[in-house]
Amino acid sequence: MDLSWMAWTWHTAVFFCFIAACLISMMVWEWCAPGGGARRGILALDTTRGDRLFISLLGSAFINLFWLGLFGPPLWGAIAVCLAFAFCVFRWV
């Protein structure tokens, strides 16, 4: 696949495919189990599934940036921290 027209690497393409997969998964989840009403978590915020996904993705971006600043590549450790962070957000926030 030639991604040079936009100076993309395959890593960038995988990243955007992952974001699209997350959004499609949330759409299917909402279609299969509608509602997913807001709940109040440890941050005292009323959040829905979509809010928790957004918080997870935004937090993961910052975790990766901090990791790059402190340790540099590779980002395997940051990915593990991001997965743990996303689990915690969906469980308790």
PDB file of N, CA and C in Angstrom:
ATOM      1  N   MET A   1       0.845  -1.165   0.000  1.00  0.00           N
ATOM      2  CA  MET A   1       0.000   0.000   0.000  1.00  0.00           C
ATOM      3  C   MET A   1       0.899   1.238   0.000  1.00  0.00           C
ATOM      4  N   ASP A   2       0.675   2.120  -0.934  1.00  0.00           N
ATOM      5  CA  ASP A   2       1.491   3.327  -1.042  1.00  0.00           C
ATOM      6  C   ASP A   2       0.840   4.466  -0.258  1.00  0.00           C
ATOM      7  N   LEU A   3       1.434   4.800   0.879  1.00  0.00           N
ATOM      8  CA  LEU A   3       0.909   5.878   1.710  1.00  0.00           C
ATOM      9  C   LEU A   3       1.751   7.136   1.617  1.00  0.00           C
ATOM     10  N   SER A   4       2.661   7.190   0.648  1.00  0.00           N
ATOM     11  CA  SER A   4       3.599   8.308   0.566  1.00  0.00           C
ATOM     12  C   SER A   4       2.925   9.620   0.161  1.00  0.00           C
ATOM     13  N   TRP A   5       1.732   9.577  -0.391  1.00  0.00           N
ATOM     14  CA  TRP A   5       1.064  10.794  -0.810  1.00  0.00           C
ATOM     15  C   TRP A   5       0.769  11.704   0.370  1.00  0.00           C
ATOM     16  N   MET A   6       0.741  11.140   1.580  1.00  0.00           N
ATOM     17  CA  MET A   6       0.443  11.941   2.748  1.00  0.00           C
ATOM     18  C   MET A   6       1.548  11.812   3.780  1.00  0.00           C
ATOM     19  N   ALA A   7       2.683  11.304   3.388  1.00  0.00           N
ATOM     20  CA  ALA A   7       3.830  11.107   4.271  1.00  0.00           C
ATOM     21  C   ALA A   7       3.463  10.257   5.480  1.00  0.00           C
ATOM     22  N   TRP A   8       2.582   9.276   5.284  1.00  0.00           N
ATOM     23  CA  TRP A   8       2.200   8.382   6.351  1.00  0.00           C
ATOM     24  C   TRP A   8       3.138   7.190   6.374  1.00  0.00           C
ATOM     25  N   THR A   9       3.303   6.652   7.546  1.00  0.00           N
ATOM     26  CA  THR A   9       3.982   5.373   7.683  1.00  0.00           C
ATOM     27  C   THR A   9       2.908   4.336   7.971  1.00  0.00           C
ATOM     28  N   TRP A  10       3.288   3.103   7.971  1.00  0.00           N
ATOM     29  CA  TRP A  10       2.289   2.073   8.278  1.00  0.00           C
ATOM     30  C   TRP A  10       1.844   2.181   9.729  1.00  0.00           C
ATOM     31  N   HIS A  11       2.706   2.713  10.595  1.00  0.00           N
ATOM     32  CA  HIS A  11       2.333   2.898  11.990  1.00  0.00           C
ATOM     33  C   HIS A  11       1.166   3.877  12.122  1.00  0.00           C
ATOM     34  N   THR A  12       1.236   4.953  11.355  1.00  0.00           N
ATOM     35  CA  THR A  12       0.170   5.951  11.390  1.00  0.00           C
ATOM     36  C   THR A  12      -1.129   5.370  10.849  1.00  0.00           C
ATOM     37  N   ALA A  13      -1.041   4.598   9.786  1.00  0.00           N
ATOM     38  CA  ALA A  13      -2.226   3.972   9.214  1.00  0.00           C
ATOM     39  C   ALA A  13      -2.859   3.007  10.211  1.00  0.00           C
ATOM     40  N   VAL A  14      -2.053   2.234  10.913  1.00  0.00           N
ATOM     41  CA  VAL A  14      -2.573   1.305  11.930  1.00  0.00           C
ATOM     42  C   VAL A  14      -3.248   2.079  13.050  1.00  0.00           C
ATOM     43  N   PHE A  15      -2.648   3.198  13.456  1.00  0.00           N
ATOM     44  CA  PHE A  15      -3.228   4.022  14.511  1.00  0.00           C
ATOM     45  C   PHE A  15      -4.625   4.502  14.119  1.00  0.00           C
ATOM     46  N   PHE A  16      -4.774   5.057  12.919  1.00  0.00           N
ATOM     47  CA  PHE A  16      -6.070   5.552  12.500  1.00  0.00           C
ATOM     48  C   PHE A  16      -7.065   4.417  12.285  1.00  0.00           C
ATOM     49  N   CYS A  17      -6.611   3.280  11.845  1.00  0.00           N
ATOM     50  CA  CYS A  17      -7.496   2.108  11.735  1.00  0.00           C
ATOM     51  C   CYS A  17      -7.966   1.659  13.117  1.00  0.00           C
ATOM     52  N   PHE A  18      -7.082   1.745  14.113  1.00  0.00           N
ATOM     53  CA  PHE A  18      -7.463   1.395  15.480  1.00  0.00           C
ATOM     54  C   PHE A  18      -8.535   2.347  15.999  1.00  0.00           C
ATOM     55  N   ILE A  19      -8.383   3.639  15.762  1.00  0.00           N
ATOM     56  CA  ILE A  19      -9.383   4.615  16.197  1.00  0.00           C
ATOM     57  C   ILE A  19     -10.723   4.330  15.515  1.00  0.00           C
ATOM     58  N   ALA A  20     -10.694   4.052  14.217  1.00  0.00           N
ATOM     59  CA  ALA A  20     -11.922   3.720  13.494  1.00  0.00           C
ATOM     60  C   ALA A  20     -12.546   2.447  14.050  1.00  0.00           C
ATOM     61  N   ALA A  21     -11.731   1.448  14.370  1.00  0.00           N
ATOM     62  CA  ALA A  21     -12.246   0.202  14.945  1.00  0.00           C
ATOM     63  C   ALA A  21     -12.885   0.449  16.309  1.00  0.00           C
ATOM     64  N   CYS A  22     -12.289   1.320  17.108  1.00  0.00           N
ATOM     65  CA  CYS A  22     -12.875   1.666  18.411  1.00  0.00           C
ATOM     66  C   CYS A  22     -14.249   2.309  18.235  1.00  0.00           C
ATOM     67  N   LEU A  23     -14.353   3.237  17.309  1.00  0.00           N
ATOM     68  CA  LEU A  23     -15.631   3.907  17.083  1.00  0.00           C
ATOM     69  C   LEU A  23     -16.687   2.948  16.548  1.00  0.00           C
ATOM     70  N   ILE A  24     -16.285   2.073  15.632  1.00  0.00           N
ATOM     71  CA  ILE A  24     -17.229   1.089  15.095  1.00  0.00           C
ATOM     72  C   ILE A  24     -17.652   0.112  16.184  1.00  0.00           C
ATOM     73  N   SER A  25     -16.713  -0.302  17.027  1.00  0.00           N
ATOM     74  CA  SER A  25     -17.046  -1.209  18.130  1.00  0.00           C
ATOM     75  C   SER A  25     -18.027  -0.571  19.096  1.00  0.00           C
ATOM     76  N   MET A  26     -17.816   0.708  19.403  1.00  0.00           N
ATOM     77  CA  MET A  26     -18.747   1.400  20.296  1.00  0.00           C
ATOM     78  C   MET A  26     -20.130   1.518  19.663  1.00  0.00           C
ATOM     79  N   MET A  27     -20.172   1.730  18.340  1.00  0.00           N
ATOM     80  CA  MET A  27     -21.446   1.822  17.643  1.00  0.00           C
ATOM     81  C   MET A  27     -22.187   0.483  17.703  1.00  0.00           C
ATOM     82  N   VAL A  28     -21.464  -0.602  17.456  1.00  0.00           N
ATOM     83  CA  VAL A  28     -22.077  -1.935  17.507  1.00  0.00           C
ATOM     84  C   VAL A  28     -22.523  -2.257  18.930  1.00  0.00           C
ATOM     85  N   TRP A  29     -21.699  -1.916  19.926  1.00  0.00           N
ATOM     86  CA  TRP A  29     -22.054  -2.158  21.329  1.00  0.00           C
ATOM     87  C   TRP A  29     -23.341  -1.419  21.692  1.00  0.00           C
ATOM     88  N   GLU A  30     -23.458  -0.170  21.257  1.00  0.00           N
ATOM     89  CA  GLU A  30     -24.659   0.614  21.540  1.00  0.00           C
ATOM     90  C   GLU A  30     -25.863   0.048  20.806  1.00  0.00           C
ATOM     91  N   TRP A  31     -25.646  -0.468  19.601  1.00  0.00           N
ATOM     92  CA  TRP A  31     -26.751  -1.047  18.851  1.00  0.00           C
ATOM     93  C   TRP A  31     -27.230  -2.341  19.503  1.00  0.00           C
ATOM     94  N   CYS A  32     -26.285  -3.168  19.983  1.00  0.00           N
ATOM     95  CA  CYS A  32     -26.642  -4.449  20.600  1.00  0.00           C
ATOM     96  C   CYS A  32     -27.203  -4.285  22.008  1.00  0.00           C
ATOM     97  N   ALA A  33     -26.654  -3.342  22.762  1.00  0.00           N
ATOM     98  CA  ALA A  33     -27.100  -3.115  24.141  1.00  0.00           C
ATOM     99  C   ALA A  33     -27.335  -1.619  24.331  1.00  0.00           C
ATOM    100  N   PRO A  34     -28.496  -1.141  23.859  1.00  0.00           N
ATOM    101  CA  PRO A  34     -28.732   0.298  23.928  1.00  0.00           C
ATOM    102  C   PRO A  34     -28.828   0.783  25.367  1.00  0.00           C
ATOM    103  N   GLY A  35     -28.650   2.044  25.480  1.00  0.00           N
ATOM    104  CA  GLY A  35     -28.731   2.654  26.802  1.00  0.00           C
ATOM    105  C   GLY A  35     -27.365   3.051  27.278  1.00  0.00           C
ATOM    106  N   GLY A  36     -26.752   2.162  28.012  1.00  0.00           N
ATOM    107  CA  GLY A  36     -25.437   2.491  28.547  1.00  0.00           C
ATOM    108  C   GLY A  36     -25.489   3.812  29.273  1.00  0.00           C
ATOM    109  N   GLY A  37     -26.526   3.975  30.097  1.00  0.00           N
ATOM    110  CA  GLY A  37     -26.766   5.249  30.758  1.00  0.00           C
ATOM    111  C   GLY A  37     -25.551   5.777  31.500  1.00  0.00           C
ATOM    112  N   ALA A  38     -25.595   7.062  31.722  1.00  0.00           N
ATOM    113  CA  ALA A  38     -24.498   7.713  32.429  1.00  0.00           C
ATOM    114  C   ALA A  38     -24.387   7.163  33.845  1.00  0.00           C
ATOM    115  N   ARG A  39     -23.157   7.074  34.306  1.00  0.00           N
ATOM    116  CA  ARG A  39     -22.929   6.655  35.682  1.00  0.00           C
ATOM    117  C   ARG A  39     -21.886   7.565  36.303  1.00  0.00           C
ATOM    118  N   ARG A  40     -21.950   7.672  37.605  1.00  0.00           N
ATOM    119  CA  ARG A  40     -21.041   8.543  38.336  1.00  0.00           C
ATOM    120  C   ARG A  40     -19.899   7.692  38.873  1.00  0.00           C
ATOM    121  N   GLY A  41     -18.684   8.070  38.496  1.00  0.00           N
ATOM    122  CA  GLY A  41     -17.505   7.322  38.906  1.00  0.00           C
ATOM    123  C   GLY A  41     -16.725   8.030  39.995  1.00  0.00           C
ATOM    124  N   ILE A  42     -15.470   7.633  40.145  1.00  0.00           N
ATOM    125  CA  ILE A  42     -14.644   8.172  41.226  1.00  0.00           C
ATOM    126  C   ILE A  42     -14.281   9.633  41.009  1.00  0.00           C
ATOM    127  N   LEU A  43     -14.394  10.127  39.794  1.00  0.00           N
ATOM    128  CA  LEU A  43     -14.107  11.538  39.534  1.00  0.00           C
ATOM    129  C   LEU A  43     -15.330  12.422  39.743  1.00  0.00           C
ATOM    130  N   ALA A  44     -16.440  11.841  40.178  1.00  0.00           N
ATOM    131  CA  ALA A  44     -17.703  12.554  40.385  1.00  0.00           C
ATOM    132  C   ALA A  44     -18.211  13.178  39.088  1.00  0.00           C
ATOM    133  N   LEU A  45     -17.940  12.517  37.977  1.00  0.00           N
ATOM    134  CA  LEU A  45     -18.448  12.934  36.679  1.00  0.00           C
ATOM    135  C   LEU A  45     -19.472  11.919  36.211  1.00  0.00           C
ATOM    136  N   ASP A  46     -20.521  12.397  35.590  1.00  0.00           N
ATOM    137  CA  ASP A  46     -21.470  11.496  34.950  1.00  0.00           C
ATOM    138  C   ASP A  46     -20.944  11.209  33.545  1.00  0.00           C
ATOM    139  N   THR A  47     -20.548   9.958  33.299  1.00  0.00           N
ATOM    140  CA  THR A  47     -19.960   9.604  32.008  1.00  0.00           C
ATOM    141  C   THR A  47     -20.735   8.482  31.349  1.00  0.00           C
ATOM    142  N   THR A  48     -20.778   8.528  30.025  1.00  0.00           N
ATOM    143  CA  THR A  48     -21.370   7.451  29.232  1.00  0.00           C
ATOM    144  C   THR A  48     -20.231   6.621  28.645  1.00  0.00           C
ATOM    145  N   ARG A  49     -20.573   5.592  27.905  1.00  0.00           N
ATOM    146  CA  ARG A  49     -19.538   4.765  27.268  1.00  0.00           C
ATOM    147  C   ARG A  49     -18.654   5.587  26.342  1.00  0.00           C
ATOM    148  N   GLY A  50     -19.275   6.451  25.562  1.00  0.00           N
ATOM    149  CA  GLY A  50     -18.524   7.286  24.634  1.00  0.00           C
ATOM    150  C   GLY A  50     -17.587   8.242  25.363  1.00  0.00           C
ATOM    151  N   ASP A  51     -18.052   8.789  26.484  1.00  0.00           N
ATOM    152  CA  ASP A  51     -17.195   9.667  27.284  1.00  0.00           C
ATOM    153  C   ASP A  51     -15.979   8.912  27.799  1.00  0.00           C
ATOM    154  N   ARG A  52     -16.206   7.696  28.268  1.00  0.00           N
ATOM    155  CA  ARG A  52     -15.098   6.894  28.802  1.00  0.00           C
ATOM    156  C   ARG A  52     -14.122   6.509  27.692  1.00  0.00           C
ATOM    157  N   LEU A  53     -14.630   6.237  26.484  1.00  0.00           N
ATOM    158  CA  LEU A  53     -13.737   5.962  25.358  1.00  0.00           C
ATOM    159  C   LEU A  53     -12.886   7.196  25.052  1.00  0.00           C
ATOM    160  N   PHE A  54     -13.516   8.366  25.017  1.00  0.00           N
ATOM    161  CA  PHE A  54     -12.783   9.592  24.737  1.00  0.00           C
ATOM    162  C   PHE A  54     -11.716   9.853  25.799  1.00  0.00           C
ATOM    163  N   ILE A  55     -12.070   9.688  27.064  1.00  0.00           N
ATOM    164  CA  ILE A  55     -11.102   9.885  28.151  1.00  0.00           C
ATOM    165  C   ILE A  55      -9.947   8.895  28.011  1.00  0.00           C
ATOM    166  N   SER A  56     -10.256   7.649  27.657  1.00  0.00           N
ATOM    167  CA  SER A  56      -9.214   6.631  27.475  1.00  0.00           C
ATOM    168  C   SER A  56      -8.272   6.991  26.330  1.00  0.00           C
ATOM    169  N   LEU A  57      -8.823   7.406  25.200  1.00  0.00           N
ATOM    170  CA  LEU A  57      -7.987   7.742  24.049  1.00  0.00           C
ATOM    171  C   LEU A  57      -7.151   8.990  24.300  1.00  0.00           C
ATOM    172  N   LEU A  58      -7.762  10.000  24.916  1.00  0.00           N
ATOM    173  CA  LEU A  58      -7.019  11.225  25.198  1.00  0.00           C
ATOM    174  C   LEU A  58      -5.925  10.972  26.226  1.00  0.00           C
ATOM    175  N   GLY A  59      -6.258  10.236  27.277  1.00  0.00           N
ATOM    176  CA  GLY A  59      -5.252   9.899  28.286  1.00  0.00           C
ATOM    177  C   GLY A  59      -4.127   9.061  27.703  1.00  0.00           C
ATOM    178  N   SER A  60      -4.465   8.150  26.796  1.00  0.00           N
ATOM    179  CA  SER A  60      -3.446   7.311  26.167  1.00  0.00           C
ATOM    180  C   SER A  60      -2.492   8.134  25.309  1.00  0.00           C
ATOM    181  N   ALA A  61      -3.014   9.155  24.659  1.00  0.00           N
ATOM    182  CA  ALA A  61      -2.147  10.031  23.877  1.00  0.00           C
ATOM    183  C   ALA A  61      -1.121  10.708  24.784  1.00  0.00           C
ATOM    184  N   PHE A  62      -1.564  11.198  25.919  1.00  0.00           N
ATOM    185  CA  PHE A  62      -0.646  11.854  26.847  1.00  0.00           C
ATOM    186  C   PHE A  62       0.337  10.867  27.474  1.00  0.00           C
ATOM    187  N   ILE A  63      -0.129   9.658  27.767  1.00  0.00           N
ATOM    188  CA  ILE A  63       0.773   8.634  28.314  1.00  0.00           C
ATOM    189  C   ILE A  63       1.887   8.341  27.315  1.00  0.00           C
ATOM    190  N   ASN A  64       1.531   8.200  26.035  1.00  0.00           N
ATOM    191  CA  ASN A  64       2.543   7.942  25.009  1.00  0.00           C
ATOM    192  C   ASN A  64       3.514   9.108  24.859  1.00  0.00           C
ATOM    193  N   LEU A  65       3.006  10.331  24.924  1.00  0.00           N
ATOM    194  CA  LEU A  65       3.894  11.489  24.836  1.00  0.00           C
ATOM    195  C   LEU A  65       4.857  11.555  26.020  1.00  0.00           C
ATOM    196  N   PHE A  66       4.337  11.323  27.218  1.00  0.00           N
ATOM    197  CA  PHE A  66       5.206  11.308  28.392  1.00  0.00           C
ATOM    198  C   PHE A  66       6.246  10.201  28.297  1.00  0.00           C
ATOM    199  N   TRP A  67       5.822   9.041  27.825  1.00  0.00           N
ATOM    200  CA  TRP A  67       6.747   7.918  27.676  1.00  0.00           C
ATOM    201  C   TRP A  67       7.871   8.271  26.707  1.00  0.00           C
ATOM    202  N   LEU A  68       7.498   8.865  25.578  1.00  0.00           N
ATOM    203  CA  LEU A  68       8.516   9.261  24.612  1.00  0.00           C
ATOM    204  C   LEU A  68       9.478  10.288  25.196  1.00  0.00           C
ATOM    205  N   GLY A  69       8.944  11.209  25.984  1.00  0.00           N
ATOM    206  CA  GLY A  69       9.794  12.228  26.584  1.00  0.00           C
ATOM    207  C   GLY A  69      10.730  11.676  27.637  1.00  0.00           C
ATOM    208  N   LEU A  70      10.260  10.700  28.401  1.00  0.00           N
ATOM    209  CA  LEU A  70      11.065  10.157  29.494  1.00  0.00           C
ATOM    210  C   LEU A  70      11.976   9.010  29.068  1.00  0.00           C
ATOM    211  N   PHE A  71      11.449   8.102  28.251  1.00  0.00           N
ATOM    212  CA  PHE A  71      12.181   6.881  27.932  1.00  0.00           C
ATOM    213  C   PHE A  71      12.548   6.748  26.461  1.00  0.00           C
ATOM    214  N   GLY A  72      11.819   7.437  25.586  1.00  0.00           N
ATOM    215  CA  GLY A  72      12.036   7.288  24.151  1.00  0.00           C
ATOM    216  C   GLY A  72      11.411   6.001  23.632  1.00  0.00           C
ATOM    217  N   PRO A  73      11.623   5.711  22.343  1.00  0.00           N
ATOM    218  CA  PRO A  73      11.071   4.469  21.798  1.00  0.00           C
ATOM    219  C   PRO A  73      11.841   3.273  22.319  1.00  0.00           C
ATOM    220  N   PRO A  74      11.283   2.086  22.269  1.00  0.00           N
ATOM    221  CA  PRO A  74       9.987   1.665  21.775  1.00  0.00           C
ATOM    222  C   PRO A  74       8.872   1.961  22.782  1.00  0.00           C
ATOM    223  N   LEU A  75       7.643   1.869  22.316  1.00  0.00           N
ATOM    224  CA  LEU A  75       6.481   2.243  23.126  1.00  0.00           C
ATOM    225  C   LEU A  75       5.711   1.051  23.692  1.00  0.00           C
ATOM    226  N   TRP A  76       6.330  -0.124  23.741  1.00  0.00           N
ATOM    227  CA  TRP A  76       5.611  -1.299  24.251  1.00  0.00           C
ATOM    228  C   TRP A  76       5.198  -1.112  25.704  1.00  0.00           C
ATOM    229  N   GLY A  77       6.045  -0.513  26.499  1.00  0.00           N
ATOM    230  CA  GLY A  77       5.681  -0.251  27.899  1.00  0.00           C
ATOM    231  C   GLY A  77       4.529   0.729  27.994  1.00  0.00           C
ATOM    232  N   ALA A  78       4.546   1.745  27.140  1.00  0.00           N
ATOM    233  CA  ALA A  78       3.470   2.736  27.133  1.00  0.00           C
ATOM    234  C   ALA A  78       2.146   2.099  26.716  1.00  0.00           C
ATOM    235  N   ILE A  79       2.210   1.173  25.782  1.00  0.00           N
ATOM    236  CA  ILE A  79       0.981   0.496  25.354  1.00  0.00           C
ATOM    237  C   ILE A  79       0.392  -0.302  26.506  1.00  0.00           C
ATOM    238  N   ALA A  80       1.241  -0.965  27.278  1.00  0.00           N
ATOM    239  CA  ALA A  80       0.755  -1.711  28.444  1.00  0.00           C
ATOM    240  C   ALA A  80       0.116  -0.767  29.464  1.00  0.00           C
ATOM    241  N   VAL A  81       0.747   0.381  29.702  1.00  0.00           N
ATOM    242  CA  VAL A  81       0.184   1.366  30.627  1.00  0.00           C
ATOM    243  C   VAL A  81      -1.140   1.902  30.090  1.00  0.00           C
ATOM    244  N   CYS A  82      -1.221   2.136  28.782  1.00  0.00           N
ATOM    245  CA  CYS A  82      -2.458   2.634  28.171  1.00  0.00           C
ATOM    246  C   CYS A  82      -3.602   1.627  28.302  1.00  0.00           C
ATOM    247  N   LEU A  83      -3.305   0.358  28.105  1.00  0.00           N
ATOM    248  CA  LEU A  83      -4.348  -0.663  28.257  1.00  0.00           C
ATOM    249  C   LEU A  83      -4.841  -0.739  29.695  1.00  0.00           C
ATOM    250  N   ALA A  84      -3.930  -0.659  30.652  1.00  0.00           N
ATOM    251  CA  ALA A  84      -4.326  -0.648  32.059  1.00  0.00           C
ATOM    252  C   ALA A  84      -5.145   0.601  32.373  1.00  0.00           C
ATOM    253  N   PHE A  85      -4.723   1.741  31.827  1.00  0.00           N
ATOM    254  CA  PHE A  85      -5.449   2.991  32.029  1.00  0.00           C
ATOM    255  C   PHE A  85      -6.864   2.894  31.463  1.00  0.00           C
ATOM    256  N   ALA A  86      -7.001   2.372  30.237  1.00  0.00           N
ATOM    257  CA  ALA A  86      -8.321   2.239  29.620  1.00  0.00           C
ATOM    258  C   ALA A  86      -9.213   1.294  30.418  1.00  0.00           C
ATOM    259  N   PHE A  87      -8.649   0.199  30.903  1.00  0.00           N
ATOM    260  CA  PHE A  87      -9.425  -0.717  31.741  1.00  0.00           C
ATOM    261  C   PHE A  87      -9.946   0.006  32.981  1.00  0.00           C
ATOM    262  N   CYS A  88      -9.070   0.756  33.637  1.00  0.00           N
ATOM    263  CA  CYS A  88      -9.466   1.489  34.848  1.00  0.00           C
ATOM    264  C   CYS A  88     -10.536   2.537  34.545  1.00  0.00           C
ATOM    265  N   VAL A  89     -10.400   3.222  33.418  1.00  0.00           N
ATOM    266  CA  VAL A  89     -11.381   4.244  33.066  1.00  0.00           C
ATOM    267  C   VAL A  89     -12.747   3.600  32.828  1.00  0.00           C
ATOM    268  N   PHE A  90     -12.781   2.507  32.076  1.00  0.00           N
ATOM    269  CA  PHE A  90     -14.073   1.869  31.800  1.00  0.00           C
ATOM    270  C   PHE A  90     -14.646   1.193  33.038  1.00  0.00           C
ATOM    271  N   ARG A  91     -13.801   0.820  33.964  1.00  0.00           N
ATOM    272  CA  ARG A  91     -14.274   0.137  35.173  1.00  0.00           C
ATOM    273  C   ARG A  91     -14.741   1.115  36.248  1.00  0.00           C
ATOM    274  N   TRP A  92     -13.972   2.190  36.489  1.00  0.00           N
ATOM    275  CA  TRP A  92     -14.230   3.016  37.656  1.00  0.00           C
ATOM    276  C   TRP A  92     -14.587   4.468  37.373  1.00  0.00           C
ATOM    277  N   VAL A  93     -14.418   4.951  36.168  1.00  0.00           N
ATOM    278  CA  VAL A  93     -14.714   6.375  35.927  1.00  0.00           C
ATOM    279  C   VAL A  93     -16.135   6.536  35.433  1.00  0.00           C
TER     280      VAL A  93
END
